[in-house]
Full PDB file with SEQRES, HELIX, SHEET, SSBOND, CRYST1, ORIGX, SCALE, CONECT and MASTER records, all heavy atoms in Angstrom:
SEQRES   1 A   35  GLY GLY PHE GLN ALA ILE GLU TRP ALA VAL THR GLU PRO          
SEQRES   2 A   35  ASP VAL PHE LYS ARG CYS LEU PHE ILE ALA THR ALA PRO          
SEQRES   3 A   35  ARG VAL SER PRO TYR LEU SER ALA THR                          
HELIX    1 AA1 GLY A    2  THR A   11  1                                  10    
HELIX    2 AA2 PRO A   30  ALA A   34  1                                   5    
CRYST1    1.000    1.000    1.000  90.00  90.00  90.00 P 1           1          
ORIGX1      1.000000  0.000000  0.000000        0.00000                         
ORIGX2      0.000000  1.000000  0.000000        0.00000                         
ORIGX3      0.000000  0.000000  1.000000        0.00000                         
SCALE1      1.000000  0.000000  0.000000        0.00000                         
SCALE2      0.000000  1.000000  0.000000        0.00000                         
SCALE3      0.000000  0.000000  1.000000        0.00000                         
ATOM      1  N   GLY A   1      -5.026   4.022  -3.693  1.00  0.00           N  
ATOM      2  CA  GLY A   1      -4.993   2.742  -4.399  1.00  0.00           C  
ATOM      3  C   GLY A   1      -3.757   1.955  -4.020  1.00  0.00           C  
ATOM      4  O   GLY A   1      -3.794   0.730  -3.913  1.00  0.00           O  
ATOM      5  N   GLY A   2      -2.668   2.662  -3.787  1.00  0.00           N  
ATOM      6  CA  GLY A   2      -1.451   2.024  -3.302  1.00  0.00           C  
ATOM      7  C   GLY A   2      -1.613   1.512  -1.888  1.00  0.00           C  
ATOM      8  O   GLY A   2      -1.058   0.468  -1.524  1.00  0.00           O  
ATOM      9  N   PHE A   3      -2.369   2.247  -1.065  1.00  0.00           N  
ATOM     10  CA  PHE A   3      -2.666   1.749   0.283  1.00  0.00           C  
ATOM     11  C   PHE A   3      -3.294   0.362   0.191  1.00  0.00           C  
ATOM     12  O   PHE A   3      -2.903  -0.572   0.901  1.00  0.00           O  
ATOM     13  CB  PHE A   3      -3.652   2.684   0.993  1.00  0.00           C  
ATOM     14  CG  PHE A   3      -3.081   3.978   1.501  1.00  0.00           C  
ATOM     15  CD1 PHE A   3      -1.810   4.395   1.154  1.00  0.00           C  
ATOM     16  CD2 PHE A   3      -3.829   4.797   2.325  1.00  0.00           C  
ATOM     17  CE1 PHE A   3      -1.297   5.601   1.625  1.00  0.00           C  
ATOM     18  CE2 PHE A   3      -3.333   5.992   2.810  1.00  0.00           C  
ATOM     19  CZ  PHE A   3      -2.066   6.396   2.462  1.00  0.00           C  
ATOM     20  N   GLN A   4      -4.289   0.251  -0.689  1.00  0.00           N  
ATOM     21  CA  GLN A   4      -4.976  -1.036  -0.848  1.00  0.00           C  
ATOM     22  C   GLN A   4      -4.033  -2.104  -1.399  1.00  0.00           C  
ATOM     23  O   GLN A   4      -4.043  -3.251  -0.936  1.00  0.00           O  
ATOM     24  CB  GLN A   4      -6.167  -0.865  -1.791  1.00  0.00           C  
ATOM     25  CG  GLN A   4      -7.251   0.068  -1.282  1.00  0.00           C  
ATOM     26  CD  GLN A   4      -8.224   0.425  -2.381  1.00  0.00           C  
ATOM     27  OE1 GLN A   4      -9.068  -0.373  -2.761  1.00  0.00           O  
ATOM     28  NE2 GLN A   4      -8.115   1.634  -2.908  1.00  0.00           N  
ATOM     29  N   ALA A   5      -3.237  -1.726  -2.385  1.00  0.00           N  
ATOM     30  CA  ALA A   5      -2.349  -2.698  -3.019  1.00  0.00           C  
ATOM     31  C   ALA A   5      -1.318  -3.240  -2.036  1.00  0.00           C  
ATOM     32  O   ALA A   5      -1.051  -4.448  -1.988  1.00  0.00           O  
ATOM     33  CB  ALA A   5      -1.665  -2.063  -4.226  1.00  0.00           C  
ATOM     34  N   ILE A   6      -0.737  -2.361  -1.225  1.00  0.00           N  
ATOM     35  CA  ILE A   6       0.252  -2.817  -0.248  1.00  0.00           C  
ATOM     36  C   ILE A   6      -0.412  -3.716   0.788  1.00  0.00           C  
ATOM     37  O   ILE A   6       0.105  -4.785   1.131  1.00  0.00           O  
ATOM     38  CB  ILE A   6       0.948  -1.623   0.432  1.00  0.00           C  
ATOM     39  CG1 ILE A   6       1.720  -0.785  -0.598  1.00  0.00           C  
ATOM     40  CG2 ILE A   6       1.901  -2.112   1.516  1.00  0.00           C  
ATOM     41  CD1 ILE A   6       2.275   0.513  -0.049  1.00  0.00           C  
ATOM     42  N   GLU A   7      -1.553  -3.273   1.302  1.00  0.00           N  
ATOM     43  CA  GLU A   7      -2.283  -4.074   2.291  1.00  0.00           C  
ATOM     44  C   GLU A   7      -2.633  -5.447   1.716  1.00  0.00           C  
ATOM     45  O   GLU A   7      -2.498  -6.469   2.395  1.00  0.00           O  
ATOM     46  CB  GLU A   7      -3.560  -3.340   2.710  1.00  0.00           C  
ATOM     47  CG  GLU A   7      -4.489  -4.112   3.625  1.00  0.00           C  
ATOM     48  CD  GLU A   7      -3.902  -4.424   4.986  1.00  0.00           C  
ATOM     49  OE1 GLU A   7      -3.154  -3.576   5.518  1.00  0.00           O  
ATOM     50  OE2 GLU A   7      -4.186  -5.525   5.514  1.00  0.00           O  
ATOM     51  N   TRP A   8      -3.045  -5.478   0.462  1.00  0.00           N  
ATOM     52  CA  TRP A   8      -3.435  -6.739  -0.164  1.00  0.00           C  
ATOM     53  C   TRP A   8      -2.231  -7.650  -0.369  1.00  0.00           C  
ATOM     54  O   TRP A   8      -2.307  -8.855  -0.137  1.00  0.00           O  
ATOM     55  CB  TRP A   8      -4.127  -6.452  -1.485  1.00  0.00           C  
ATOM     56  CG  TRP A   8      -4.945  -7.575  -2.043  1.00  0.00           C  
ATOM     57  CD1 TRP A   8      -5.084  -8.836  -1.527  1.00  0.00           C  
ATOM     58  CD2 TRP A   8      -5.759  -7.537  -3.220  1.00  0.00           C  
ATOM     59  NE1 TRP A   8      -5.928  -9.587  -2.313  1.00  0.00           N  
ATOM     60  CE2 TRP A   8      -6.357  -8.814  -3.355  1.00  0.00           C  
ATOM     61  CE3 TRP A   8      -6.049  -6.544  -4.155  1.00  0.00           C  
ATOM     62  CZ2 TRP A   8      -7.212  -9.121  -4.417  1.00  0.00           C  
ATOM     63  CZ3 TRP A   8      -6.898  -6.845  -5.203  1.00  0.00           C  
ATOM     64  CH2 TRP A   8      -7.478  -8.127  -5.329  1.00  0.00           C  
ATOM     65  N   ALA A   9      -1.118  -7.085  -0.785  1.00  0.00           N  
ATOM     66  CA  ALA A   9       0.093  -7.890  -0.996  1.00  0.00           C  
ATOM     67  C   ALA A   9       0.594  -8.495   0.308  1.00  0.00           C  
ATOM     68  O   ALA A   9       1.190  -9.578   0.318  1.00  0.00           O  
ATOM     69  CB  ALA A   9       1.180  -7.046  -1.643  1.00  0.00           C  
ATOM     70  N   VAL A  10       0.344  -7.798   1.417  1.00  0.00           N  
ATOM     71  CA  VAL A  10       0.702  -8.325   2.741  1.00  0.00           C  
ATOM     72  C   VAL A  10      -0.307  -9.390   3.181  1.00  0.00           C  
ATOM     73  O   VAL A  10       0.053 -10.422   3.748  1.00  0.00           O  
ATOM     74  CB  VAL A  10       0.767  -7.178   3.776  1.00  0.00           C  
ATOM     75  CG1 VAL A  10       0.885  -7.731   5.199  1.00  0.00           C  
ATOM     76  CG2 VAL A  10       1.944  -6.258   3.470  1.00  0.00           C  
ATOM     77  N   THR A  11      -1.585  -9.149   2.904  1.00  0.00           N  
ATOM     78  CA  THR A  11      -2.652 -10.059   3.327  1.00  0.00           C  
ATOM     79  C   THR A  11      -2.606 -11.388   2.595  1.00  0.00           C  
ATOM     80  O   THR A  11      -2.805 -12.453   3.187  1.00  0.00           O  
ATOM     81  CB  THR A  11      -4.031  -9.400   3.103  1.00  0.00           C  
ATOM     82  OG1 THR A  11      -4.093  -8.176   3.845  1.00  0.00           O  
ATOM     83  CG2 THR A  11      -5.159 -10.314   3.561  1.00  0.00           C  
ATOM     84  N   GLU A  12      -2.364 -11.334   1.278  1.00  0.00           N  
ATOM     85  CA  GLU A  12      -2.333 -12.543   0.447  1.00  0.00           C  
ATOM     86  C   GLU A  12      -1.017 -12.618  -0.351  1.00  0.00           C  
ATOM     87  O   GLU A  12      -1.006 -12.496  -1.583  1.00  0.00           O  
ATOM     88  CB  GLU A  12      -3.516 -12.559  -0.528  1.00  0.00           C  
ATOM     89  CG  GLU A  12      -4.867 -12.701   0.140  1.00  0.00           C  
ATOM     90  CD  GLU A  12      -5.964 -13.036  -0.871  1.00  0.00           C  
ATOM     91  OE1 GLU A  12      -6.048 -12.365  -1.917  1.00  0.00           O  
ATOM     92  OE2 GLU A  12      -6.736 -13.990  -0.604  1.00  0.00           O  
ATOM     93  N   PRO A  13       0.078 -12.821   0.331  1.00  0.00           N  
ATOM     94  CA  PRO A  13       1.388 -12.763  -0.357  1.00  0.00           C  
ATOM     95  C   PRO A  13       1.579 -13.809  -1.447  1.00  0.00           C  
ATOM     96  O   PRO A  13       2.380 -13.600  -2.361  1.00  0.00           O  
ATOM     97  CB  PRO A  13       2.389 -12.958   0.786  1.00  0.00           C  
ATOM     98  CG  PRO A  13       1.613 -13.632   1.871  1.00  0.00           C  
ATOM     99  CD  PRO A  13       0.234 -13.090   1.776  1.00  0.00           C  
ATOM    100  N   ASP A  14       0.871 -14.932  -1.356  1.00  0.00           N  
ATOM    101  CA  ASP A  14       1.049 -15.995  -2.357  1.00  0.00           C  
ATOM    102  C   ASP A  14       0.243 -15.755  -3.636  1.00  0.00           C  
ATOM    103  O   ASP A  14       0.412 -16.495  -4.615  1.00  0.00           O  
ATOM    104  CB  ASP A  14       0.650 -17.348  -1.752  1.00  0.00           C  
ATOM    105  CG  ASP A  14       1.590 -17.773  -0.644  1.00  0.00           C  
ATOM    106  OD1 ASP A  14       2.808 -17.596  -0.805  1.00  0.00           O  
ATOM    107  OD2 ASP A  14       1.104 -18.272   0.396  1.00  0.00           O  
ATOM    108  N   VAL A  15      -0.599 -14.736  -3.649  1.00  0.00           N  
ATOM    109  CA  VAL A  15      -1.459 -14.494  -4.808  1.00  0.00           C  
ATOM    110  C   VAL A  15      -0.731 -13.710  -5.909  1.00  0.00           C  
ATOM    111  O   VAL A  15      -0.984 -13.911  -7.096  1.00  0.00           O  
ATOM    112  CB  VAL A  15      -2.736 -13.744  -4.376  1.00  0.00           C  
ATOM    113  CG1 VAL A  15      -3.517 -13.213  -5.577  1.00  0.00           C  
ATOM    114  CG2 VAL A  15      -3.620 -14.658  -3.538  1.00  0.00           C  
ATOM    115  N   PHE A  16       0.201 -12.837  -5.535  1.00  0.00           N  
ATOM    116  CA  PHE A  16       0.747 -11.871  -6.479  1.00  0.00           C  
ATOM    117  C   PHE A  16       2.163 -12.221  -6.931  1.00  0.00           C  
ATOM    118  O   PHE A  16       3.023 -12.564  -6.123  1.00  0.00           O  
ATOM    119  CB  PHE A  16       0.726 -10.472  -5.861  1.00  0.00           C  
ATOM    120  CG  PHE A  16      -0.649 -10.062  -5.429  1.00  0.00           C  
ATOM    121  CD1 PHE A  16      -1.026 -10.145  -4.084  1.00  0.00           C  
ATOM    122  CD2 PHE A  16      -1.587  -9.646  -6.348  1.00  0.00           C  
ATOM    123  CE1 PHE A  16      -2.300  -9.803  -3.678  1.00  0.00           C  
ATOM    124  CE2 PHE A  16      -2.869  -9.303  -5.957  1.00  0.00           C  
ATOM    125  CZ  PHE A  16      -3.233  -9.378  -4.631  1.00  0.00           C  
ATOM    126  N   LYS A  17       2.381 -12.086  -8.249  1.00  0.00           N  
ATOM    127  CA  LYS A  17       3.703 -12.339  -8.826  1.00  0.00           C  
ATOM    128  C   LYS A  17       4.540 -11.061  -8.896  1.00  0.00           C  
ATOM    129  O   LYS A  17       5.757 -11.088  -8.700  1.00  0.00           O  
ATOM    130  CB  LYS A  17       3.568 -12.939 -10.221  1.00  0.00           C  
ATOM    131  CG  LYS A  17       2.881 -14.298 -10.251  1.00  0.00           C  
ATOM    132  CD  LYS A  17       2.733 -14.810 -11.683  1.00  0.00           C  
ATOM    133  CE  LYS A  17       2.023 -16.147 -11.726  1.00  0.00           C  
ATOM    134  NZ  LYS A  17       1.831 -16.626 -13.133  1.00  0.00           N  
ATOM    135  N   ARG A  18       3.870  -9.955  -9.197  1.00  0.00           N  
ATOM    136  CA  ARG A  18       4.571  -8.678  -9.314  1.00  0.00           C  
ATOM    137  C   ARG A  18       3.673  -7.575  -8.781  1.00  0.00           C  
ATOM    138  O   ARG A  18       2.454  -7.605  -8.969  1.00  0.00           O  
ATOM    139  CB  ARG A  18       4.937  -8.382 -10.777  1.00  0.00           C  
ATOM    140  CG  ARG A  18       5.748  -7.108 -10.974  1.00  0.00           C  
ATOM    141  CD  ARG A  18       5.979  -6.814 -12.448  1.00  0.00           C  
ATOM    142  NE  ARG A  18       6.693  -5.562 -12.628  1.00  0.00           N  
ATOM    143  CZ  ARG A  18       6.811  -4.916 -13.775  1.00  0.00           C  
ATOM    144  NH1 ARG A  18       6.240  -5.405 -14.873  1.00  0.00           N  
ATOM    145  NH2 ARG A  18       7.471  -3.768 -13.846  1.00  0.00           N  
ATOM    146  N   CYS A  19       4.278  -6.603  -8.116  1.00  0.00           N  
ATOM    147  CA  CYS A  19       3.547  -5.452  -7.586  1.00  0.00           C  
ATOM    148  C   CYS A  19       4.215  -4.161  -8.030  1.00  0.00           C  
ATOM    149  O   CYS A  19       5.447  -4.079  -8.100  1.00  0.00           O  
ATOM    150  CB  CYS A  19       3.491  -5.475  -6.064  1.00  0.00           C  
ATOM    151  SG  CYS A  19       2.559  -6.853  -5.352  1.00  0.00           S  
ATOM    152  N   LEU A  20       3.393  -3.155  -8.290  1.00  0.00           N  
ATOM    153  CA  LEU A  20       3.885  -1.820  -8.610  1.00  0.00           C  
ATOM    154  C   LEU A  20       3.161  -0.835  -7.703  1.00  0.00           C  
ATOM    155  O   LEU A  20       1.951  -0.623  -7.832  1.00  0.00           O  
ATOM    156  CB  LEU A  20       3.611  -1.505 -10.085  1.00  0.00           C  
ATOM    157  CG  LEU A  20       4.034  -0.120 -10.603  1.00  0.00           C  
ATOM    158  CD1 LEU A  20       5.526   0.112 -10.405  1.00  0.00           C  
ATOM    159  CD2 LEU A  20       3.652   0.028 -12.077  1.00  0.00           C  
ATOM    160  N   PHE A  21       3.892  -0.262  -6.757  1.00  0.00           N  
ATOM    161  CA  PHE A  21       3.337   0.699  -5.804  1.00  0.00           C  
ATOM    162  C   PHE A  21       3.843   2.086  -6.187  1.00  0.00           C  
ATOM    163  O   PHE A  21       5.053   2.340  -6.172  1.00  0.00           O  
ATOM    164  CB  PHE A  21       3.773   0.371  -4.378  1.00  0.00           C  
ATOM    165  CG  PHE A  21       3.455  -1.031  -3.922  1.00  0.00           C  
ATOM    166  CD1 PHE A  21       4.345  -1.723  -3.102  1.00  0.00           C  
ATOM    167  CD2 PHE A  21       2.278  -1.653  -4.281  1.00  0.00           C  
ATOM    168  CE1 PHE A  21       4.065  -3.015  -2.658  1.00  0.00           C  
ATOM    169  CE2 PHE A  21       1.986  -2.944  -3.851  1.00  0.00           C  
ATOM    170  CZ  PHE A  21       2.883  -3.630  -3.036  1.00  0.00           C  
ATOM    171  N   ILE A  22       2.932   3.001  -6.507  1.00  0.00           N  
ATOM    172  CA  ILE A  22       3.298   4.316  -7.028  1.00  0.00           C  
ATOM    173  C   ILE A  22       2.768   5.417  -6.109  1.00  0.00           C  
ATOM    174  O   ILE A  22       1.570   5.455  -5.801  1.00  0.00           O  
ATOM    175  CB  ILE A  22       2.719   4.530  -8.438  1.00  0.00           C  
ATOM    176  CG1 ILE A  22       3.042   3.351  -9.363  1.00  0.00           C  
ATOM    177  CG2 ILE A  22       3.239   5.840  -9.042  1.00  0.00           C  
ATOM    178  CD1 ILE A  22       2.238   3.359 -10.658  1.00  0.00           C  
ATOM    179  N   ALA A  23       3.666   6.315  -5.682  1.00  0.00           N  
ATOM    180  CA  ALA A  23       3.261   7.495  -4.910  1.00  0.00           C  
ATOM    181  C   ALA A  23       2.341   7.111  -3.760  1.00  0.00           C  
ATOM    182  O   ALA A  23       1.188   7.561  -3.683  1.00  0.00           O  
ATOM    183  CB  ALA A  23       2.588   8.515  -5.827  1.00  0.00           C  
ATOM    184  N   THR A  24       2.842   6.289  -2.868  1.00  0.00           N  
ATOM    185  CA  THR A  24       2.008   5.757  -1.797  1.00  0.00           C  
ATOM    186  C   THR A  24       2.873   5.432  -0.590  1.00  0.00           C  
ATOM    187  O   THR A  24       4.055   5.805  -0.536  1.00  0.00           O  
ATOM    188  CB  THR A  24       1.240   4.517  -2.310  1.00  0.00           C  
ATOM    189  OG1 THR A  24       0.244   4.160  -1.356  1.00  0.00           O  
ATOM    190  CG2 THR A  24       2.160   3.349  -2.598  1.00  0.00           C  
ATOM    191  N   ALA A  25       2.311   4.724   0.396  1.00  0.00           N  
ATOM    192  CA  ALA A  25       3.043   4.398   1.615  1.00  0.00           C  
ATOM    193  C   ALA A  25       2.359   3.242   2.336  1.00  0.00           C  
ATOM    194  O   ALA A  25       1.170   2.994   2.125  1.00  0.00           O  
ATOM    195  CB  ALA A  25       3.119   5.609   2.551  1.00  0.00           C  
ATOM    196  N   PRO A  26       3.087   2.544   3.210  1.00  0.00           N  
ATOM    197  CA  PRO A  26       2.482   1.454   3.972  1.00  0.00           C  
ATOM    198  C   PRO A  26       1.734   1.914   5.219  1.00  0.00           C  
ATOM    199  O   PRO A  26       1.077   1.113   5.881  1.00  0.00           O  
ATOM    200  CB  PRO A  26       3.689   0.595   4.344  1.00  0.00           C  
ATOM    201  CG  PRO A  26       4.812   1.565   4.442  1.00  0.00           C  
ATOM    202  CD  PRO A  26       4.543   2.605   3.399  1.00  0.00           C  
ATOM    203  N   ARG A  27       1.848   3.200   5.535  1.00  0.00           N  
ATOM    204  CA  ARG A  27       1.119   3.730   6.695  1.00  0.00           C  
ATOM    205  C   ARG A  27       0.843   5.212   6.463  1.00  0.00           C  
ATOM    206  O   ARG A  27       1.681   5.939   5.925  1.00  0.00           O  
ATOM    207  CB  ARG A  27       1.933   3.548   7.983  1.00  0.00           C  
ATOM    208  CG  ARG A  27       1.198   4.035   9.226  1.00  0.00           C  
ATOM    209  CD  ARG A  27       1.926   3.698  10.509  1.00  0.00           C  
ATOM    210  NE  ARG A  27       1.129   4.075  11.669  1.00  0.00           N  
ATOM    211  CZ  ARG A  27       1.453   3.823  12.930  1.00  0.00           C  
ATOM    212  NH1 ARG A  27       2.593   3.180  13.191  1.00  0.00           N  
ATOM    213  NH2 ARG A  27       0.662   4.187  13.914  1.00  0.00           N  
ATOM    214  N   VAL A  28      -0.335   5.669   6.856  1.00  0.00           N  
ATOM    215  CA  VAL A  28      -0.671   7.078   6.703  1.00  0.00           C  
ATOM    216  C   VAL A  28       0.275   7.913   7.564  1.00  0.00           C  
ATOM    217  O   VAL A  28       0.583   7.554   8.704  1.00  0.00           O  
ATOM    218  CB  VAL A  28      -2.144   7.334   7.074  1.00  0.00           C  
ATOM    219  CG1 VAL A  28      -2.400   7.074   8.564  1.00  0.00           C  
ATOM    220  CG2 VAL A  28      -2.574   8.736   6.682  1.00  0.00           C  
ATOM    221  N   SER A  29       0.750   9.009   7.042  1.00  0.00           N  
ATOM    222  CA  SER A  29       1.678   9.878   7.769  1.00  0.00           C  
ATOM    223  C   SER A  29       0.913  10.959   8.527  1.00  0.00           C  
ATOM    224  O   SER A  29      -0.234  11.283   8.177  1.00  0.00           O  
ATOM    225  CB  SER A  29       2.645  10.545   6.796  1.00  0.00           C  
ATOM    226  OG  SER A  29       1.950  11.477   5.973  1.00  0.00           O  
ATOM    227  N   PRO A  30       1.528  11.563   9.554  1.00  0.00           N  
ATOM    228  CA  PRO A  30       0.875  12.685  10.235  1.00  0.00           C  
ATOM    229  C   PRO A  30       0.558  13.834   9.274  1.00  0.00           C  
ATOM    230  O   PRO A  30      -0.475  14.497   9.425  1.00  0.00           O  
ATOM    231  CB  PRO A  30       1.906  13.101  11.287  1.00  0.00           C  
ATOM    232  CG  PRO A  30       2.699  11.861  11.559  1.00  0.00           C  
ATOM    233  CD  PRO A  30       2.785  11.165  10.239  1.00  0.00           C  
ATOM    234  N   TYR A  31       1.428  14.052   8.294  1.00  0.00           N  
ATOM    235  CA  TYR A  31       1.184  15.130   7.333  1.00  0.00           C  
ATOM    236  C   TYR A  31      -0.070  14.856   6.506  1.00  0.00           C  
ATOM    237  O   TYR A  31      -0.917  15.736   6.335  1.00  0.00           O  
ATOM    238  CB  TYR A  31       2.401  15.295   6.411  1.00  0.00           C  
ATOM    239  CG  TYR A  31       2.235  16.396   5.386  1.00  0.00           C  
ATOM    240  CD1 TYR A  31       2.434  17.726   5.741  1.00  0.00           C  
ATOM    241  CD2 TYR A  31       1.870  16.112   4.072  1.00  0.00           C  
ATOM    242  CE1 TYR A  31       2.282  18.751   4.817  1.00  0.00           C  
ATOM    243  CE2 TYR A  31       1.704  17.124   3.142  1.00  0.00           C  
ATOM    244  CZ  TYR A  31       1.913  18.433   3.515  1.00  0.00           C  
ATOM    245  OH  TYR A  31       1.750  19.442   2.591  1.00  0.00           O  
ATOM    246  N   LEU A  32      -0.206  13.641   6.013  1.00  0.00           N  
ATOM    247  CA  LEU A  32      -1.395  13.296   5.235  1.00  0.00           C  
ATOM    248  C   LEU A  32      -2.642  13.369   6.110  1.00  0.00           C  
ATOM    249  O   LEU A  32      -3.686  13.875   5.678  1.00  0.00           O  
ATOM    250  CB  LEU A  32      -1.255  11.901   4.626  1.00  0.00           C  
ATOM    251  CG  LEU A  32      -2.462  11.386   3.830  1.00  0.00           C  
ATOM    252  CD1 LEU A  32      -2.853  12.369   2.729  1.00  0.00           C  
ATOM    253  CD2 LEU A  32      -2.174  10.014   3.246  1.00  0.00           C  
ATOM    254  N   SER A  33      -2.555  12.879   7.331  1.00  0.00           N  
ATOM    255  CA  SER A  33      -3.712  12.958   8.244  1.00  0.00           C  
ATOM    256  C   SER A  33      -4.124  14.408   8.480  1.00  0.00           C  
ATOM    257  O   SER A  33      -5.322  14.715   8.568  1.00  0.00           O  
ATOM    258  CB  SER A  33      -3.376  12.298   9.584  1.00  0.00           C  
ATOM    259  OG  SER A  33      -3.414  10.902   9.491  1.00  0.00           O  
ATOM    260  N   ALA A  34      -3.140  15.302   8.572  1.00  0.00           N  
ATOM    261  CA  ALA A  34      -3.445  16.720   8.782  1.00  0.00           C  
ATOM    262  C   ALA A  34      -4.170  17.304   7.572  1.00  0.00           C  
ATOM    263  O   ALA A  34      -5.148  18.056   7.725  1.00  0.00           O  
ATOM    264  CB  ALA A  34      -2.164  17.497   9.059  1.00  0.00           C  
ATOM    265  N   THR A  35      -3.726  16.964   6.369  1.00  0.00           N  
ATOM    266  CA  THR A  35      -4.404  17.482   5.177  1.00  0.00           C  
ATOM    267  C   THR A  35      -5.821  16.931   5.081  1.00  0.00           C  
ATOM    268  O   THR A  35      -6.749  17.643   4.690  1.00  0.00           O  
ATOM    269  CB  THR A  35      -3.627  17.135   3.891  1.00  0.00           C  
ATOM    270  OG1 THR A  35      -3.640  15.723   3.668  1.00  0.00           O  
ATOM    271  CG2 THR A  35      -2.188  17.615   3.964  1.00  0.00           C  
TER     272      THR A  35                                                      
MASTER        0    0    0    2    0    0    0    6  271    1    0    3          
END                                                                             
């Protein structure tokens, strides 16, 4: 869900006033891909 939120905040930066990104990242890591 954080993946989507970060991507969306980048895609439409003028839409959002505040963002809360929890336990997430802007890019999938090799460790996550392995799991």
